[in-house]
């Protein structure tokens, strides 16, 4: 998978933003998503400098062949999550809006674009946060299991049709599938279920 390794690390669960109304569109996989990740990763790495431990392409746009909302999800790992706020001005210069934790303790979240035309999400976590392993487990498991990836793509397309302007309904509809994949991923690597 595409990732800039500034530090070698172990391996999230897709997390929605509850309470928002926005148009949900799932499109077929586009190879350009990889390029968009890399372009953004270089700029973000320049903002964070030595504070950044690693940067990963996560979420559905990181899985080859996966239909997805065309929003590039990027995960950063840092040594101290509290220091991430020092980089809000630099992220603003790149076109991001800092959203703080936005419902997930221990995270810093940034969005690029507005609710109608978002292009990127950036999720920052401390290296030891269990969300890091969950995001990478989810991505890596689906990348290695094509049948389940196709099942997830069909589910997302169906949910986008049913909940085209209801992010809560869309996310709730994916929850059981995501939890199942995470359980299988942890079992396949021999990890504990509550990591």
N, C-alpha and C. Protein backbone atom coordinates (compact mmCIF):
# COMPACT_ATOMS: atom_id res chain seq x y z
N UNK A 1 0.83 -1.19 0.00
CA UNK A 1 0.00 0.00 0.00
C UNK A 1 0.87 1.24 0.00
N UNK A 2 0.32 2.32 -0.51
CA UNK A 2 1.08 3.57 -0.54
C UNK A 2 1.19 4.13 0.86
N UNK A 3 2.37 4.48 1.26
CA UNK A 3 2.57 5.16 2.52
C UNK A 3 3.98 5.72 2.55
N UNK A 4 4.13 6.83 3.17
CA UNK A 4 5.46 7.36 3.39
C UNK A 4 5.87 6.90 4.78
N UNK A 5 6.92 6.11 4.86
CA UNK A 5 7.38 5.63 6.16
C UNK A 5 8.47 6.55 6.67
N UNK A 6 8.13 7.35 7.63
CA UNK A 6 9.15 8.14 8.30
C UNK A 6 9.62 7.39 9.52
N UNK A 7 8.84 6.39 9.89
CA UNK A 7 9.18 5.49 10.99
C UNK A 7 8.41 4.21 10.72
N UNK A 8 9.02 3.09 10.85
CA UNK A 8 8.34 1.82 10.65
C UNK A 8 7.38 1.60 11.80
N UNK A 9 6.13 1.22 11.51
CA UNK A 9 5.17 1.02 12.58
C UNK A 9 4.26 -0.16 12.32
N UNK A 10 3.55 -0.62 13.36
CA UNK A 10 2.59 -1.68 13.15
C UNK A 10 1.41 -1.17 12.32
N UNK A 11 0.30 -1.62 12.30
CA UNK A 11 -0.84 -1.20 11.48
C UNK A 11 -1.87 -0.36 12.23
N UNK A 12 -8.07 0.86 10.34
CA UNK A 12 -8.72 1.76 11.22
C UNK A 12 -10.15 1.63 10.84
N UNK A 13 -10.49 1.87 11.39
CA UNK A 13 -11.92 1.84 11.21
C UNK A 13 -12.32 3.14 10.58
N UNK A 14 -13.09 3.07 9.51
CA UNK A 14 -13.57 4.31 8.93
C UNK A 14 -14.50 4.97 9.92
N UNK A 15 -14.34 6.23 10.12
CA UNK A 15 -15.17 6.95 11.08
C UNK A 15 -15.88 8.09 10.39
N UNK A 16 -17.18 8.14 10.54
CA UNK A 16 -17.95 9.21 9.94
C UNK A 16 -18.10 10.37 10.89
N UNK A 17 -18.69 11.40 10.38
CA UNK A 17 -18.94 12.57 11.18
C UNK A 17 -20.44 12.61 11.41
N UNK A 18 -20.85 12.21 12.55
CA UNK A 18 -22.26 12.07 12.85
C UNK A 18 -22.93 13.45 12.90
N UNK A 19 -24.15 13.49 12.45
CA UNK A 19 -24.93 14.71 12.55
C UNK A 19 -24.85 15.61 11.33
N UNK A 20 -24.10 15.24 10.31
CA UNK A 20 -23.98 16.08 9.13
C UNK A 20 -24.94 15.62 8.05
N UNK A 21 -25.38 16.55 7.24
CA UNK A 21 -26.16 16.24 6.05
C UNK A 21 -25.29 16.60 4.86
N UNK A 22 -24.97 15.64 4.03
CA UNK A 22 -24.25 15.95 2.80
C UNK A 22 -24.51 14.85 1.79
N UNK A 23 -24.37 15.20 0.53
CA UNK A 23 -24.64 14.28 -0.55
C UNK A 23 -23.59 13.17 -0.57
N UNK A 24 -24.03 11.93 -0.56
CA UNK A 24 -23.14 10.78 -0.54
C UNK A 24 -23.13 10.16 -1.92
N UNK A 25 -21.98 10.16 -2.54
CA UNK A 25 -21.82 9.60 -3.87
C UNK A 25 -20.68 8.60 -3.82
N UNK A 26 -20.94 7.38 -4.27
CA UNK A 26 -19.92 6.35 -4.36
C UNK A 26 -19.64 6.13 -5.84
N UNK A 27 -18.37 6.22 -6.22
CA UNK A 27 -17.98 6.10 -7.62
C UNK A 27 -17.02 4.92 -7.79
N UNK A 28 -16.89 4.41 -9.03
CA UNK A 28 -15.91 3.34 -9.27
C UNK A 28 -14.50 3.81 -8.97
N UNK A 29 -13.64 2.84 -8.66
CA UNK A 29 -12.24 3.13 -8.34
C UNK A 29 -11.58 3.94 -9.44
N UNK A 30 -10.74 4.89 -9.04
CA UNK A 30 -9.96 5.69 -9.97
C UNK A 30 -8.49 5.60 -9.57
N UNK A 31 -7.64 5.18 -10.50
CA UNK A 31 -6.21 5.04 -10.21
C UNK A 31 -5.59 6.37 -9.80
N UNK A 32 -6.18 7.49 -10.21
CA UNK A 32 -5.63 8.81 -9.88
C UNK A 32 -5.67 9.08 -8.38
N UNK A 33 -6.47 8.34 -7.63
CA UNK A 33 -6.53 8.54 -6.18
C UNK A 33 -5.16 8.34 -5.52
N UNK A 34 -4.39 7.40 -6.04
CA UNK A 34 -3.05 7.15 -5.50
C UNK A 34 -2.18 8.40 -5.69
N UNK A 35 -2.22 8.97 -6.90
CA UNK A 35 -1.45 10.18 -7.18
C UNK A 35 -1.90 11.33 -6.30
N UNK A 36 -3.20 11.48 -6.09
CA UNK A 36 -3.71 12.56 -5.24
C UNK A 36 -3.23 12.40 -3.80
N UNK A 37 -3.17 11.16 -3.33
CA UNK A 37 -2.62 10.92 -1.99
C UNK A 37 -1.17 11.39 -1.93
N UNK A 38 -0.35 10.93 -2.88
CA UNK A 38 1.08 11.26 -2.84
C UNK A 38 1.32 12.76 -2.92
N UNK A 39 0.59 13.45 -3.78
CA UNK A 39 0.75 14.90 -3.90
C UNK A 39 0.46 15.59 -2.57
N UNK A 40 -0.62 15.17 -1.94
CA UNK A 40 -1.00 15.78 -0.67
C UNK A 40 -0.04 15.39 0.44
N UNK A 41 0.40 14.13 0.43
CA UNK A 41 1.31 13.64 1.46
C UNK A 41 2.60 14.45 1.50
N UNK A 42 3.12 14.80 0.35
CA UNK A 42 4.36 15.59 0.28
C UNK A 42 4.14 16.95 0.94
N UNK A 43 3.02 17.60 0.62
CA UNK A 43 2.73 18.92 1.20
C UNK A 43 2.51 18.85 2.71
N UNK A 44 1.78 17.82 3.15
CA UNK A 44 1.51 17.67 4.58
C UNK A 44 2.79 17.37 5.34
N UNK A 45 3.63 16.51 4.77
CA UNK A 45 4.91 16.20 5.42
C UNK A 45 5.76 17.45 5.59
N UNK A 46 5.70 18.36 4.62
CA UNK A 46 6.45 19.61 4.72
C UNK A 46 5.92 20.49 5.85
N UNK A 47 4.61 20.47 6.08
CA UNK A 47 4.01 21.25 7.17
C UNK A 47 4.44 20.70 8.52
N UNK A 48 4.36 19.39 8.70
CA UNK A 48 4.61 18.77 10.00
C UNK A 48 6.09 18.53 10.31
N UNK A 49 6.90 18.42 9.30
CA UNK A 49 8.33 18.23 9.52
C UNK A 49 8.63 17.06 10.44
N UNK A 50 9.52 17.28 11.41
CA UNK A 50 9.97 16.21 12.31
C UNK A 50 8.89 15.71 13.25
N UNK A 51 7.80 16.44 13.38
CA UNK A 51 6.69 16.00 14.25
C UNK A 51 5.99 14.76 13.67
N UNK A 52 6.05 14.61 12.36
CA UNK A 52 5.37 13.52 11.66
C UNK A 52 6.19 12.24 11.74
N UNK A 53 5.58 11.17 12.23
CA UNK A 53 6.25 9.87 12.29
C UNK A 53 5.98 9.06 11.03
N UNK A 54 4.73 9.09 10.55
CA UNK A 54 4.38 8.37 9.32
C UNK A 54 3.11 8.96 8.73
N UNK A 55 2.90 8.67 7.47
CA UNK A 55 1.70 9.13 6.78
C UNK A 55 1.22 7.99 5.87
N UNK A 56 -0.08 7.72 5.92
CA UNK A 56 -0.65 6.57 5.21
C UNK A 56 -1.88 6.99 4.41
N UNK A 57 -2.04 6.35 3.27
CA UNK A 57 -3.28 6.43 2.50
C UNK A 57 -4.20 5.36 3.08
N UNK A 58 -5.36 5.76 3.59
CA UNK A 58 -6.28 4.81 4.23
C UNK A 58 -7.67 4.96 3.59
N UNK A 59 -8.61 4.18 4.09
CA UNK A 59 -9.98 4.27 3.61
C UNK A 59 -10.13 3.60 2.25
N UNK A 60 -11.31 3.69 1.71
CA UNK A 60 -11.63 2.97 0.48
C UNK A 60 -10.83 3.41 -0.73
N UNK A 61 -10.44 4.69 -0.81
CA UNK A 61 -9.66 5.13 -1.97
C UNK A 61 -8.26 4.52 -1.98
N UNK A 62 -7.85 3.92 -0.89
CA UNK A 62 -6.52 3.30 -0.81
C UNK A 62 -6.54 1.82 -1.22
N UNK A 63 -7.72 1.27 -1.48
CA UNK A 63 -7.85 -0.15 -1.79
C UNK A 63 -8.04 -0.31 -3.29
N UNK A 64 -7.08 -0.91 -3.99
CA UNK A 64 -7.19 -1.05 -5.45
C UNK A 64 -8.51 -1.70 -5.87
N UNK A 65 -9.19 -1.05 -6.83
CA UNK A 65 -10.44 -1.57 -7.36
C UNK A 65 -11.68 -1.24 -6.56
N UNK A 66 -11.54 -0.61 -5.39
CA UNK A 66 -12.67 -0.36 -4.50
C UNK A 66 -13.47 0.86 -4.93
N UNK A 67 -14.77 0.70 -5.08
CA UNK A 67 -15.65 1.85 -5.26
C UNK A 67 -15.65 2.64 -3.97
N UNK A 68 -15.74 3.97 -4.09
CA UNK A 68 -15.60 4.79 -2.89
C UNK A 68 -16.21 6.17 -3.10
N UNK A 69 -16.45 6.85 -1.97
CA UNK A 69 -16.67 8.28 -2.04
C UNK A 69 -15.34 8.87 -2.49
N UNK A 70 -15.31 9.77 -3.45
CA UNK A 70 -14.03 10.27 -3.98
C UNK A 70 -13.36 11.29 -3.06
N UNK A 71 -13.11 10.88 -1.83
CA UNK A 71 -12.44 11.71 -0.83
C UNK A 71 -11.23 10.91 -0.35
N UNK A 72 -10.06 11.49 -0.49
CA UNK A 72 -8.82 10.80 -0.11
C UNK A 72 -8.65 10.91 1.40
N UNK A 73 -8.61 9.76 2.08
CA UNK A 73 -8.37 9.72 3.52
C UNK A 73 -6.88 9.50 3.77
N UNK A 74 -6.33 10.36 4.62
CA UNK A 74 -4.92 10.31 4.95
C UNK A 74 -4.79 10.22 6.46
N UNK A 75 -3.92 9.33 6.93
CA UNK A 75 -3.69 9.20 8.36
C UNK A 75 -2.24 9.56 8.67
N UNK A 76 -2.09 10.43 9.66
CA UNK A 76 -0.78 10.82 10.17
C UNK A 76 -0.58 10.18 11.53
N UNK A 77 0.65 9.78 11.84
CA UNK A 77 0.98 9.41 13.21
C UNK A 77 2.02 10.39 13.72
N UNK A 78 1.86 10.74 14.99
CA UNK A 78 2.73 11.70 15.66
C UNK A 78 3.05 11.17 17.06
N UNK A 79 4.07 11.72 17.69
CA UNK A 79 4.44 11.30 19.04
C UNK A 79 3.49 11.87 20.09
N UNK A 80 3.00 13.09 19.88
CA UNK A 80 2.16 13.77 20.87
C UNK A 80 1.00 14.46 20.16
N UNK A 81 -0.20 13.97 20.33
CA UNK A 81 -1.37 14.51 19.64
C UNK A 81 -1.62 15.97 20.00
N UNK A 82 -1.29 16.38 21.20
CA UNK A 82 -1.52 17.76 21.62
C UNK A 82 -0.70 18.76 20.80
N UNK A 83 0.42 18.34 20.26
CA UNK A 83 1.25 19.24 19.46
C UNK A 83 0.71 19.45 18.05
N UNK A 84 -0.24 18.62 17.61
CA UNK A 84 -0.79 18.75 16.26
C UNK A 84 -1.44 20.11 16.06
N UNK A 85 -2.07 20.64 17.10
CA UNK A 85 -2.76 21.93 16.98
C UNK A 85 -1.80 23.05 16.56
N UNK A 86 -0.52 22.90 16.82
CA UNK A 86 0.47 23.91 16.43
C UNK A 86 0.59 24.03 14.91
N UNK A 87 0.08 23.03 14.19
CA UNK A 87 0.23 23.00 12.74
C UNK A 87 -1.06 23.40 12.00
N UNK A 88 -2.06 23.87 12.76
CA UNK A 88 -3.32 24.26 12.13
C UNK A 88 -3.13 25.35 11.07
N UNK A 89 -2.28 26.33 11.35
CA UNK A 89 -2.07 27.42 10.38
C UNK A 89 -1.45 26.89 9.09
N UNK A 90 -0.49 25.98 9.22
CA UNK A 90 0.12 25.39 8.04
C UNK A 90 -0.87 24.57 7.24
N UNK A 91 -1.73 23.84 7.92
CA UNK A 91 -2.76 23.06 7.23
C UNK A 91 -3.77 23.99 6.56
N UNK A 92 -4.08 25.11 7.21
CA UNK A 92 -4.99 26.10 6.60
C UNK A 92 -4.39 26.63 5.30
N UNK A 93 -3.09 26.86 5.28
CA UNK A 93 -2.44 27.32 4.05
C UNK A 93 -2.56 26.30 2.92
N UNK A 94 -2.69 25.03 3.27
CA UNK A 94 -2.88 23.98 2.26
C UNK A 94 -4.35 23.82 1.86
N UNK A 95 -5.23 24.60 2.50
CA UNK A 95 -6.65 24.53 2.16
C UNK A 95 -7.49 23.70 3.10
N UNK A 96 -6.92 23.27 4.23
CA UNK A 96 -7.65 22.44 5.19
C UNK A 96 -8.34 23.28 6.25
N UNK A 97 -9.40 22.72 6.80
CA UNK A 97 -10.10 23.29 7.94
C UNK A 97 -9.86 22.36 9.12
N UNK A 98 -9.32 22.89 10.21
CA UNK A 98 -9.07 22.09 11.41
C UNK A 98 -10.40 21.89 12.14
N UNK A 99 -10.73 20.63 12.45
CA UNK A 99 -11.98 20.30 13.12
C UNK A 99 -11.77 19.76 14.53
N UNK A 100 -10.53 19.77 15.03
CA UNK A 100 -10.28 19.23 16.37
C UNK A 100 -10.49 17.73 16.41
N UNK A 101 -10.98 17.24 17.53
CA UNK A 101 -11.23 15.79 17.67
C UNK A 101 -12.44 15.34 16.85
N UNK A 102 -13.42 16.19 16.72
CA UNK A 102 -14.68 15.91 16.02
C UNK A 102 -15.26 14.54 16.38
N UNK A 103 -15.42 14.33 17.68
CA UNK A 103 -16.12 13.14 18.16
C UNK A 103 -15.26 11.92 18.41
N UNK A 104 -13.99 11.98 18.09
CA UNK A 104 -13.11 10.82 18.34
C UNK A 104 -11.96 11.29 19.22
N UNK A 105 -12.01 10.88 20.48
CA UNK A 105 -10.97 11.29 21.43
C UNK A 105 -9.61 10.84 20.94
N UNK A 106 -8.62 11.71 21.08
CA UNK A 106 -7.26 11.37 20.70
C UNK A 106 -6.96 11.54 19.23
N UNK A 107 -7.87 12.16 18.50
CA UNK A 107 -7.67 12.39 17.07
C UNK A 107 -7.66 13.89 16.81
N UNK A 108 -6.99 14.30 15.74
CA UNK A 108 -7.15 15.63 15.17
C UNK A 108 -7.57 15.40 13.73
N UNK A 109 -8.61 16.13 13.32
CA UNK A 109 -9.23 15.89 12.01
C UNK A 109 -9.22 17.17 11.20
N UNK A 110 -8.88 17.05 9.93
CA UNK A 110 -8.85 18.17 9.00
C UNK A 110 -9.63 17.79 7.74
N UNK A 111 -10.36 18.73 7.17
CA UNK A 111 -11.06 18.50 5.91
C UNK A 111 -10.61 19.53 4.88
N UNK A 112 -10.54 19.10 3.65
CA UNK A 112 -10.22 20.00 2.54
C UNK A 112 -11.44 20.04 1.63
N UNK A 113 -11.92 21.23 1.36
CA UNK A 113 -13.14 21.39 0.58
C UNK A 113 -14.33 21.56 1.51
N UNK A 114 -15.47 21.87 0.92
CA UNK A 114 -16.68 22.05 1.73
C UNK A 114 -17.50 20.76 1.74
N UNK A 115 -18.67 20.79 2.38
CA UNK A 115 -19.47 19.58 2.50
C UNK A 115 -19.93 19.05 1.15
N UNK A 116 -20.03 19.90 0.15
CA UNK A 116 -20.46 19.48 -1.19
C UNK A 116 -19.29 18.94 -2.00
N UNK A 117 -18.13 19.52 -1.83
CA UNK A 117 -17.00 19.14 -2.69
C UNK A 117 -15.73 18.85 -1.89
N UNK A 118 -15.84 17.99 -0.90
CA UNK A 118 -14.65 17.58 -0.14
C UNK A 118 -13.73 16.78 -1.02
N UNK A 119 -12.43 17.00 -0.82
CA UNK A 119 -11.46 16.23 -1.58
C UNK A 119 -10.57 15.35 -0.70
N UNK A 120 -10.30 15.80 0.54
CA UNK A 120 -9.39 15.07 1.43
C UNK A 120 -9.86 15.17 2.88
N UNK A 121 -9.59 14.11 3.61
CA UNK A 121 -9.72 14.07 5.08
C UNK A 121 -8.35 13.70 5.62
N UNK A 122 -7.92 14.38 6.68
CA UNK A 122 -6.67 14.01 7.35
C UNK A 122 -7.01 13.68 8.80
N UNK A 123 -6.62 12.48 9.22
CA UNK A 123 -6.83 11.99 10.58
C UNK A 123 -5.45 11.87 11.22
N UNK A 124 -5.21 12.59 12.30
CA UNK A 124 -3.92 12.50 13.00
C UNK A 124 -4.13 11.80 14.34
N UNK A 125 -3.23 10.86 14.65
CA UNK A 125 -3.28 10.10 15.90
C UNK A 125 -1.87 9.97 16.46
N UNK A 126 -1.78 9.78 17.76
CA UNK A 126 -0.51 9.36 18.33
C UNK A 126 -0.23 7.94 17.84
N UNK A 127 1.03 7.63 17.70
CA UNK A 127 1.44 6.32 17.19
C UNK A 127 0.80 5.16 17.95
N UNK A 128 0.65 5.31 19.26
CA UNK A 128 0.14 4.21 20.09
C UNK A 128 -1.38 4.10 20.11
N UNK A 129 -2.09 5.04 19.48
CA UNK A 129 -3.56 5.02 19.48
C UNK A 129 -4.07 3.78 18.74
N UNK A 130 -5.01 3.02 19.32
CA UNK A 130 -5.52 1.82 18.66
C UNK A 130 -6.18 2.09 17.30
N UNK A 131 -6.62 3.32 17.07
CA UNK A 131 -7.23 3.65 15.77
C UNK A 131 -6.24 3.47 14.63
N UNK A 132 -4.96 3.67 14.89
CA UNK A 132 -3.95 3.49 13.85
C UNK A 132 -4.01 2.06 13.34
N UNK A 133 -3.95 1.10 14.24
CA UNK A 133 -3.98 -0.31 13.85
C UNK A 133 -5.29 -0.65 13.15
N UNK A 134 -6.41 -0.12 13.64
CA UNK A 134 -7.70 -0.42 13.03
C UNK A 134 -7.77 0.07 11.58
N UNK A 135 -7.33 1.29 11.33
CA UNK A 135 -7.36 1.81 9.95
C UNK A 135 -6.52 0.95 9.01
N UNK A 136 -5.32 0.61 9.46
CA UNK A 136 -4.43 -0.16 8.59
C UNK A 136 -4.89 -1.60 8.45
N UNK A 137 -5.40 -2.19 9.52
CA UNK A 137 -5.97 -3.54 9.43
C UNK A 137 -7.09 -3.59 8.40
N UNK A 138 -8.00 -2.63 8.46
CA UNK A 138 -9.15 -2.61 7.57
C UNK A 138 -8.67 -2.50 6.11
N UNK A 139 -7.81 -1.54 5.86
CA UNK A 139 -7.29 -1.35 4.50
C UNK A 139 -6.57 -2.60 3.99
N UNK A 140 -5.65 -3.11 4.78
CA UNK A 140 -4.82 -4.22 4.33
C UNK A 140 -5.62 -5.50 4.15
N UNK A 141 -6.59 -5.74 5.03
CA UNK A 141 -7.40 -6.95 4.91
C UNK A 141 -8.21 -6.92 3.62
N UNK A 142 -8.88 -5.81 3.34
CA UNK A 142 -9.70 -5.74 2.12
C UNK A 142 -8.83 -5.76 0.87
N UNK A 143 -7.65 -5.16 0.92
CA UNK A 143 -6.75 -5.20 -0.24
C UNK A 143 -6.33 -6.63 -0.55
N UNK A 144 -6.25 -7.48 0.48
CA UNK A 144 -5.82 -8.87 0.30
C UNK A 144 -6.98 -9.84 0.08
N UNK A 145 -8.21 -9.39 0.26
CA UNK A 145 -9.39 -10.27 0.15
C UNK A 145 -10.39 -9.66 -0.81
N UNK A 146 -10.17 -9.93 -2.10
CA UNK A 146 -10.97 -9.32 -3.16
C UNK A 146 -12.46 -9.57 -3.06
N UNK A 147 -12.86 -10.78 -2.69
CA UNK A 147 -14.30 -11.08 -2.59
C UNK A 147 -14.97 -10.20 -1.54
N UNK A 148 -14.32 -10.05 -0.40
CA UNK A 148 -14.89 -9.22 0.66
C UNK A 148 -14.84 -7.73 0.29
N UNK A 149 -13.81 -7.34 -0.44
CA UNK A 149 -13.73 -5.95 -0.91
C UNK A 149 -14.89 -5.66 -1.87
N UNK A 150 -15.17 -6.60 -2.77
CA UNK A 150 -16.29 -6.40 -3.71
C UNK A 150 -17.63 -6.38 -2.97
N UNK A 151 -17.76 -7.21 -1.94
CA UNK A 151 -18.98 -7.19 -1.12
C UNK A 151 -19.15 -5.84 -0.42
N UNK A 152 -18.06 -5.31 0.10
CA UNK A 152 -18.10 -4.00 0.75
C UNK A 152 -18.46 -2.90 -0.25
N UNK A 153 -17.89 -2.98 -1.45
CA UNK A 153 -18.21 -1.99 -2.50
C UNK A 153 -19.70 -2.03 -2.82
N UNK A 154 -20.27 -3.24 -2.97
CA UNK A 154 -21.71 -3.35 -3.26
C UNK A 154 -22.54 -2.77 -2.13
N UNK A 155 -22.13 -3.04 -0.89
CA UNK A 155 -22.84 -2.51 0.27
C UNK A 155 -22.82 -0.99 0.25
N UNK A 156 -21.66 -0.40 -0.01
CA UNK A 156 -21.55 1.06 -0.02
C UNK A 156 -22.40 1.69 -1.13
N UNK A 157 -22.43 1.06 -2.29
CA UNK A 157 -23.24 1.58 -3.39
C UNK A 157 -24.72 1.53 -3.01
N UNK A 158 -25.14 0.41 -2.42
CA UNK A 158 -26.53 0.28 -1.99
C UNK A 158 -26.87 1.33 -0.93
N UNK A 159 -26.00 1.50 0.05
CA UNK A 159 -26.24 2.46 1.12
C UNK A 159 -26.25 3.89 0.59
N UNK A 160 -25.39 4.19 -0.37
CA UNK A 160 -25.35 5.54 -0.94
C UNK A 160 -26.65 5.84 -1.68
N UNK A 161 -27.23 4.83 -2.30
CA UNK A 161 -28.53 5.02 -2.97
C UNK A 161 -29.64 5.24 -1.94
N UNK A 162 -29.62 4.47 -0.87
CA UNK A 162 -30.66 4.58 0.16
C UNK A 162 -30.52 5.80 1.04
N UNK A 163 -29.29 6.18 1.34
CA UNK A 163 -29.02 7.27 2.28
C UNK A 163 -28.21 8.39 1.62
N UNK A 164 -28.60 8.78 0.43
CA UNK A 164 -27.79 9.71 -0.37
C UNK A 164 -27.53 11.05 0.30
N UNK A 165 -28.34 11.44 1.28
CA UNK A 165 -28.08 12.71 1.97
C UNK A 165 -28.09 12.55 3.49
N UNK A 166 -27.83 11.33 3.94
CA UNK A 166 -27.89 11.02 5.37
C UNK A 166 -26.62 10.26 5.77
N UNK A 167 -25.59 10.99 6.18
CA UNK A 167 -24.31 10.37 6.53
C UNK A 167 -24.47 9.43 7.73
N UNK A 168 -25.38 9.75 8.66
CA UNK A 168 -25.60 8.86 9.81
C UNK A 168 -26.11 7.50 9.35
N UNK A 169 -27.12 7.49 8.47
CA UNK A 169 -27.66 6.23 7.96
C UNK A 169 -26.63 5.45 7.17
N UNK A 170 -25.88 6.17 6.35
CA UNK A 170 -24.84 5.54 5.54
C UNK A 170 -23.79 4.87 6.43
N UNK A 171 -23.30 5.60 7.44
CA UNK A 171 -22.28 5.05 8.33
C UNK A 171 -22.81 3.89 9.16
N UNK A 172 -24.03 4.03 9.66
CA UNK A 172 -24.63 2.95 10.45
C UNK A 172 -24.78 1.68 9.62
N UNK A 173 -25.10 1.84 8.34
CA UNK A 173 -25.26 0.69 7.47
C UNK A 173 -23.96 -0.06 7.21
N UNK A 174 -22.84 0.62 7.31
CA UNK A 174 -21.53 -0.01 7.11
C UNK A 174 -20.95 -0.61 8.38
N UNK A 175 -21.46 -0.21 9.53
CA UNK A 175 -20.85 -0.53 10.81
C UNK A 175 -20.64 -2.03 11.03
N UNK A 176 -21.65 -2.84 10.81
CA UNK A 176 -21.53 -4.27 11.04
C UNK A 176 -20.48 -4.91 10.14
N UNK A 177 -20.46 -4.50 8.88
CA UNK A 177 -19.47 -5.04 7.96
C UNK A 177 -18.06 -4.67 8.40
N UNK A 178 -17.86 -3.41 8.76
CA UNK A 178 -16.54 -2.94 9.19
C UNK A 178 -16.07 -3.70 10.43
N UNK A 179 -16.95 -3.87 11.39
CA UNK A 179 -16.58 -4.62 12.60
C UNK A 179 -16.19 -6.06 12.27
N UNK A 180 -16.93 -6.68 11.34
CA UNK A 180 -16.60 -8.04 10.93
C UNK A 180 -15.24 -8.13 10.28
N UNK A 181 -14.93 -7.17 9.40
CA UNK A 181 -13.62 -7.16 8.74
C UNK A 181 -12.52 -6.96 9.77
N UNK A 182 -12.72 -6.05 10.71
CA UNK A 182 -11.70 -5.80 11.72
C UNK A 182 -11.45 -7.04 12.57
N UNK A 183 -12.50 -7.77 12.89
CA UNK A 183 -12.32 -9.00 13.67
C UNK A 183 -11.51 -10.02 12.88
N UNK A 184 -11.84 -10.19 11.60
CA UNK A 184 -11.09 -11.15 10.77
C UNK A 184 -9.64 -10.70 10.61
N UNK A 185 -9.43 -9.41 10.42
CA UNK A 185 -8.07 -8.90 10.24
C UNK A 185 -7.23 -9.15 11.48
N UNK A 186 -7.80 -8.89 12.65
CA UNK A 186 -7.04 -9.12 13.89
C UNK A 186 -6.75 -10.59 14.09
N UNK A 187 -7.73 -11.43 13.79
CA UNK A 187 -7.52 -12.86 13.93
C UNK A 187 -6.43 -13.34 12.97
N UNK A 188 -6.43 -12.82 11.75
CA UNK A 188 -5.45 -13.27 10.75
C UNK A 188 -4.03 -12.87 11.12
N UNK A 189 -3.86 -11.80 11.85
CA UNK A 189 -2.50 -11.40 12.27
C UNK A 189 -2.23 -11.85 13.70
N UNK A 190 -3.19 -12.53 14.33
CA UNK A 190 -2.98 -13.05 15.68
C UNK A 190 -3.07 -11.98 16.76
N UNK A 191 -3.71 -10.85 16.45
CA UNK A 191 -3.81 -9.75 17.41
C UNK A 191 -5.01 -9.91 18.32
N UNK A 192 -4.97 -9.18 19.42
CA UNK A 192 -6.09 -9.17 20.37
C UNK A 192 -7.24 -8.39 19.76
N UNK A 193 -8.47 -8.75 20.11
CA UNK A 193 -9.64 -8.13 19.54
C UNK A 193 -9.86 -6.72 20.04
N UNK A 194 -9.29 -6.34 21.16
CA UNK A 194 -9.56 -5.01 21.70
C UNK A 194 -8.37 -4.07 21.53
N UNK A 195 -7.46 -4.37 20.59
CA UNK A 195 -6.29 -3.48 20.36
C UNK A 195 -6.77 -2.14 19.86
